[in-house]
Structure formats: C-alpha cells, structure tokens
N, C-alpha and C. Protein backbone atom coordinates (compact mmCIF):
# COMPACT_ATOMS: atom_id res chain seq x y z
N UNK A 1 -6.53 5.02 -14.88
CA UNK A 1 -5.48 4.46 -15.74
C UNK A 1 -4.44 3.70 -14.82
N UNK A 2 -3.89 2.82 -15.59
CA UNK A 2 -2.90 1.97 -14.79
C UNK A 2 -1.56 2.90 -14.50
N UNK A 3 -1.20 2.93 -13.21
CA UNK A 3 -0.10 3.83 -12.78
C UNK A 3 1.27 3.29 -13.28
N UNK A 4 1.22 1.90 -13.65
CA UNK A 4 2.60 1.24 -14.21
C UNK A 4 2.97 2.00 -15.44
N UNK A 5 1.98 2.55 -16.01
CA UNK A 5 2.41 3.13 -17.41
C UNK A 5 3.19 4.44 -17.11
N UNK A 6 2.93 5.07 -15.95
CA UNK A 6 3.65 6.36 -15.74
C UNK A 6 5.16 5.84 -15.21
N UNK A 7 5.18 4.91 -14.60
CA UNK A 7 6.47 4.38 -14.01
C UNK A 7 7.39 3.79 -15.30
N UNK A 8 6.68 3.12 -16.29
CA UNK A 8 7.44 2.64 -17.33
C UNK A 8 7.98 3.86 -18.22
N UNK A 9 7.11 4.90 -18.38
CA UNK A 9 7.46 6.00 -19.23
C UNK A 9 8.75 6.76 -18.62
N UNK A 10 8.46 7.02 -17.28
CA UNK A 10 9.74 7.69 -16.56
C UNK A 10 10.91 6.83 -16.66
N UNK A 11 10.83 5.55 -16.31
CA UNK A 11 12.03 4.57 -16.41
C UNK A 11 12.57 4.64 -17.75
N UNK A 12 11.85 4.88 -18.82
CA UNK A 12 12.40 5.00 -20.19
C UNK A 12 13.08 6.35 -20.48
N UNK A 13 12.92 7.24 -19.48
CA UNK A 13 13.61 8.56 -19.67
C UNK A 13 12.69 9.70 -20.14
N UNK A 14 11.34 9.28 -20.11
CA UNK A 14 10.38 10.24 -20.54
C UNK A 14 9.92 11.15 -19.51
N UNK A 15 9.66 12.46 -19.81
CA UNK A 15 9.04 13.36 -18.84
C UNK A 15 7.40 13.20 -19.02
N UNK A 16 6.71 12.94 -17.94
CA UNK A 16 5.50 12.57 -17.93
C UNK A 16 4.42 13.83 -17.74
N UNK A 17 3.52 14.03 -18.55
CA UNK A 17 2.60 15.07 -18.45
C UNK A 17 1.18 14.28 -18.25
N UNK A 18 0.38 14.80 -17.25
CA UNK A 18 -0.75 14.15 -16.91
C UNK A 18 -1.68 15.18 -16.22
N UNK A 19 -3.04 14.74 -15.90
CA UNK A 19 -3.81 15.53 -15.22
C UNK A 19 -3.49 15.12 -13.72
N UNK A 20 -3.87 16.08 -13.00
CA UNK A 20 -3.51 15.82 -11.41
C UNK A 20 -4.64 15.06 -10.53
N UNK A 21 -5.20 14.03 -11.18
CA UNK A 21 -6.18 13.30 -10.66
C UNK A 21 -5.79 11.81 -10.70
N UNK A 22 -6.11 10.92 -9.85
CA UNK A 22 -5.86 9.59 -9.90
C UNK A 22 -4.63 9.11 -9.10
N UNK A 23 -4.03 10.00 -8.29
CA UNK A 23 -2.98 9.41 -7.49
C UNK A 23 -1.54 9.43 -8.07
N UNK A 24 -1.17 10.13 -9.24
CA UNK A 24 0.07 10.01 -9.98
C UNK A 24 1.19 10.55 -9.17
N UNK A 25 0.87 11.51 -8.21
CA UNK A 25 1.85 12.05 -7.42
C UNK A 25 2.47 11.07 -6.40
N UNK A 26 1.49 9.83 -6.07
CA UNK A 26 2.07 8.96 -5.19
C UNK A 26 3.08 7.90 -5.84
N UNK A 27 3.08 8.07 -7.21
CA UNK A 27 3.96 7.00 -8.01
C UNK A 27 5.23 7.67 -8.37
N UNK A 28 5.23 9.01 -8.89
CA UNK A 28 6.43 9.55 -9.39
C UNK A 28 6.76 10.91 -8.61
N UNK A 29 8.06 11.13 -8.48
CA UNK A 29 8.45 12.37 -7.88
C UNK A 29 8.17 13.62 -8.81
N UNK A 30 8.04 14.83 -8.23
CA UNK A 30 7.45 15.93 -8.92
C UNK A 30 8.40 16.44 -10.07
N UNK A 31 9.76 15.99 -10.00
CA UNK A 31 10.63 16.46 -11.11
C UNK A 31 10.55 15.55 -12.44
N UNK A 32 9.68 14.53 -12.31
CA UNK A 32 9.41 13.77 -13.33
C UNK A 32 8.14 13.89 -14.08
N UNK A 33 7.28 14.78 -13.53
CA UNK A 33 5.97 14.78 -14.03
C UNK A 33 5.65 16.36 -14.17
N UNK A 34 4.82 16.78 -15.07
CA UNK A 34 4.08 18.02 -15.07
C UNK A 34 2.67 17.75 -14.94
N UNK A 35 2.00 18.27 -13.97
CA UNK A 35 0.55 17.95 -13.56
C UNK A 35 -0.37 19.25 -14.12
N UNK A 36 -1.35 18.82 -14.80
CA UNK A 36 -2.37 19.79 -15.29
C UNK A 36 -3.55 19.45 -14.63
N UNK A 37 -4.40 20.63 -14.56
CA UNK A 37 -5.87 20.42 -14.10
C UNK A 37 -6.49 19.63 -15.24
N UNK A 38 -7.62 18.97 -14.82
CA UNK A 38 -8.36 18.19 -15.91
C UNK A 38 -9.01 19.21 -16.97
N UNK A 39 -8.28 19.95 -17.56
CA UNK A 39 -8.99 21.06 -18.41
C UNK A 39 -7.97 21.09 -19.74
N UNK A 40 -8.66 20.95 -20.90
CA UNK A 40 -7.70 20.90 -22.08
C UNK A 40 -6.73 22.14 -22.19
N UNK A 41 -7.11 23.36 -21.85
CA UNK A 41 -6.23 24.49 -21.90
C UNK A 41 -5.07 24.37 -21.10
N UNK A 42 -5.35 23.82 -19.81
CA UNK A 42 -4.18 23.69 -18.71
C UNK A 42 -3.34 22.53 -19.30
N UNK A 43 -3.84 21.44 -19.73
CA UNK A 43 -3.05 20.39 -20.48
C UNK A 43 -2.17 20.76 -21.38
N UNK A 44 -2.61 21.59 -22.34
CA UNK A 44 -1.88 22.29 -23.51
C UNK A 44 -0.69 23.05 -22.93
N UNK A 45 -1.07 23.86 -21.84
CA UNK A 45 0.01 24.70 -21.23
C UNK A 45 1.14 23.66 -20.77
N UNK A 46 0.83 22.74 -19.90
CA UNK A 46 1.67 21.82 -19.36
C UNK A 46 2.54 21.21 -20.39
N UNK A 47 1.93 20.67 -21.47
CA UNK A 47 2.65 20.10 -22.55
C UNK A 47 3.73 21.18 -23.11
N UNK A 48 3.24 22.30 -23.36
CA UNK A 48 4.14 23.38 -23.88
C UNK A 48 5.30 23.58 -22.93
N UNK A 49 5.06 23.44 -21.68
CA UNK A 49 6.27 23.64 -20.78
C UNK A 49 7.17 22.47 -20.76
N UNK A 50 6.52 21.28 -20.82
CA UNK A 50 7.46 19.98 -20.71
C UNK A 50 8.19 19.72 -22.05
N UNK A 51 7.75 19.96 -23.10
CA UNK A 51 8.40 19.65 -24.40
C UNK A 51 9.85 20.20 -24.50
N UNK A 52 10.09 21.49 -24.23
CA UNK A 52 11.47 21.92 -24.30
C UNK A 52 12.36 21.17 -23.21
N UNK A 53 11.87 21.04 -21.95
CA UNK A 53 12.62 20.44 -20.93
C UNK A 53 12.86 18.91 -21.24
N UNK A 54 11.96 18.28 -21.89
CA UNK A 54 12.09 16.79 -22.30
C UNK A 54 13.38 16.58 -23.15
N UNK A 55 13.72 17.54 -23.91
CA UNK A 55 14.88 17.32 -24.87
C UNK A 55 16.20 17.32 -24.05
N UNK A 56 16.24 17.80 -22.75
CA UNK A 56 17.48 17.91 -21.98
C UNK A 56 17.60 16.89 -20.86
N UNK A 57 16.59 15.95 -20.76
CA UNK A 57 16.54 14.95 -19.80
C UNK A 57 17.33 13.78 -20.20
N UNK A 58 18.48 13.47 -19.20
CA UNK A 58 19.15 12.31 -19.46
C UNK A 58 18.35 10.96 -19.09
N UNK A 59 18.05 10.22 -20.13
CA UNK A 59 17.23 9.05 -19.84
C UNK A 59 17.66 8.24 -18.88
N UNK A 60 19.05 7.95 -18.82
CA UNK A 60 19.74 6.98 -17.82
C UNK A 60 19.48 7.58 -16.41
N UNK A 61 19.30 8.86 -16.14
CA UNK A 61 19.18 9.34 -14.87
C UNK A 61 17.68 9.18 -14.39
N UNK A 62 16.78 9.26 -15.17
CA UNK A 62 15.39 8.84 -14.83
C UNK A 62 15.31 7.47 -14.66
N UNK A 63 15.99 6.60 -15.44
CA UNK A 63 15.90 5.25 -15.15
C UNK A 63 16.40 4.92 -13.76
N UNK A 64 17.56 5.37 -13.56
CA UNK A 64 18.30 5.07 -12.17
C UNK A 64 17.32 5.42 -10.97
N UNK A 65 16.69 6.61 -11.19
CA UNK A 65 15.96 7.18 -10.12
C UNK A 65 14.51 6.18 -9.79
N UNK A 66 14.05 5.81 -10.89
CA UNK A 66 12.75 4.89 -10.72
C UNK A 66 13.29 3.58 -10.24
N UNK A 67 14.42 3.07 -10.76
CA UNK A 67 14.96 1.99 -10.20
C UNK A 67 15.22 1.88 -8.83
N UNK A 68 15.76 3.04 -8.27
CA UNK A 68 16.17 3.12 -6.80
C UNK A 68 14.87 3.34 -5.98
N UNK A 69 13.81 3.99 -6.57
CA UNK A 69 12.64 4.15 -5.79
C UNK A 69 11.84 2.90 -5.72
N UNK A 70 12.00 2.01 -6.62
CA UNK A 70 11.06 0.92 -6.48
C UNK A 70 11.82 -0.48 -6.64
N UNK A 71 12.91 -0.56 -5.83
CA UNK A 71 13.46 -1.82 -5.57
C UNK A 71 12.82 -2.65 -4.54
N UNK A 72 12.79 -3.92 -4.69
CA UNK A 72 12.01 -4.78 -3.88
C UNK A 72 12.22 -4.64 -2.34
N UNK A 73 13.49 -4.50 -1.98
CA UNK A 73 13.80 -4.31 -0.66
C UNK A 73 13.07 -3.02 -0.06
N UNK A 74 13.26 -1.98 -0.79
CA UNK A 74 12.62 -0.76 -0.37
C UNK A 74 11.17 -0.78 -0.34
N UNK A 75 10.63 -1.29 -1.35
CA UNK A 75 9.15 -1.54 -1.25
C UNK A 75 8.60 -2.20 -0.13
N UNK A 76 9.28 -3.42 0.13
CA UNK A 76 9.01 -4.27 1.23
C UNK A 76 9.10 -3.47 2.67
N UNK A 77 10.20 -2.79 2.81
CA UNK A 77 10.31 -2.06 3.98
C UNK A 77 9.27 -0.94 4.23
N UNK A 78 9.07 -0.32 3.10
CA UNK A 78 7.81 0.75 3.21
C UNK A 78 6.51 0.14 3.46
N UNK A 79 6.28 -1.01 2.87
CA UNK A 79 5.01 -1.77 3.15
C UNK A 79 4.86 -2.20 4.64
N UNK A 80 6.09 -2.81 5.14
CA UNK A 80 6.01 -3.06 6.52
C UNK A 80 5.61 -1.78 7.42
N UNK A 81 6.24 -0.81 7.18
CA UNK A 81 6.27 0.60 8.08
C UNK A 81 4.51 0.91 7.87
N UNK A 82 4.22 0.81 6.65
CA UNK A 82 2.72 1.21 6.42
C UNK A 82 1.74 0.32 7.26
N UNK A 83 1.98 -1.01 7.15
CA UNK A 83 1.05 -1.90 7.67
C UNK A 83 1.11 -1.99 9.28
N UNK A 84 2.18 -1.63 9.75
CA UNK A 84 2.43 -1.72 11.22
C UNK A 84 1.65 -0.49 11.78
N UNK A 85 1.34 0.57 10.97
CA UNK A 85 0.58 1.66 11.59
C UNK A 85 -0.75 1.18 11.84
N UNK A 86 -1.39 0.10 11.34
CA UNK A 86 -2.76 -0.32 11.42
C UNK A 86 -2.89 -1.61 12.36
N UNK A 87 -1.71 -1.95 12.94
CA UNK A 87 -1.73 -3.14 13.72
C UNK A 87 -1.86 -2.77 15.19
C-alpha cells in the first residue's frame, strides 16, 4: 500500500490503524498509529483501542507534526546523511 496514504491521513488529524507490515513505522511516529498483527482479531482490538482516543486528538497538532517531519530541508538533510554512509 502507498505510504503517502498514511501521511495524508495523519496530516488531516486522523489516528491511523494498520497492520505492522510494510514499513509504516518508518513513515509515522508511534503516537500517530496503532499497529496490529496481520490478524482480524488483533485488528479489531486495535480499532477498539483507537476509536475512543481519536475523538480527543487535536487535528492541527497532528498536521503540524507531519509538516515538521517532512519539510523539504529536513528530508534533504536526512537523505544526504543516509547517502554518505554508502560513499
């Protein structure tokens, strides 16, 4: 699945519930996501945990956090650091 979907959801103030496969933890901080094992029962459990919390999340705070995590200067700096490890 496209990881930008998770970013867009979090940036809109939504708490994300997903399975813990596919590298989602590389995209969003742990406080913005509830991770379930790829099992229907665990996914239901995580949804039941997330729904009450989602009502109390200030959307603007999630938006600001995503905006700060993914500004172009920061992404470029992290890319340079990453690529210099292989040089």
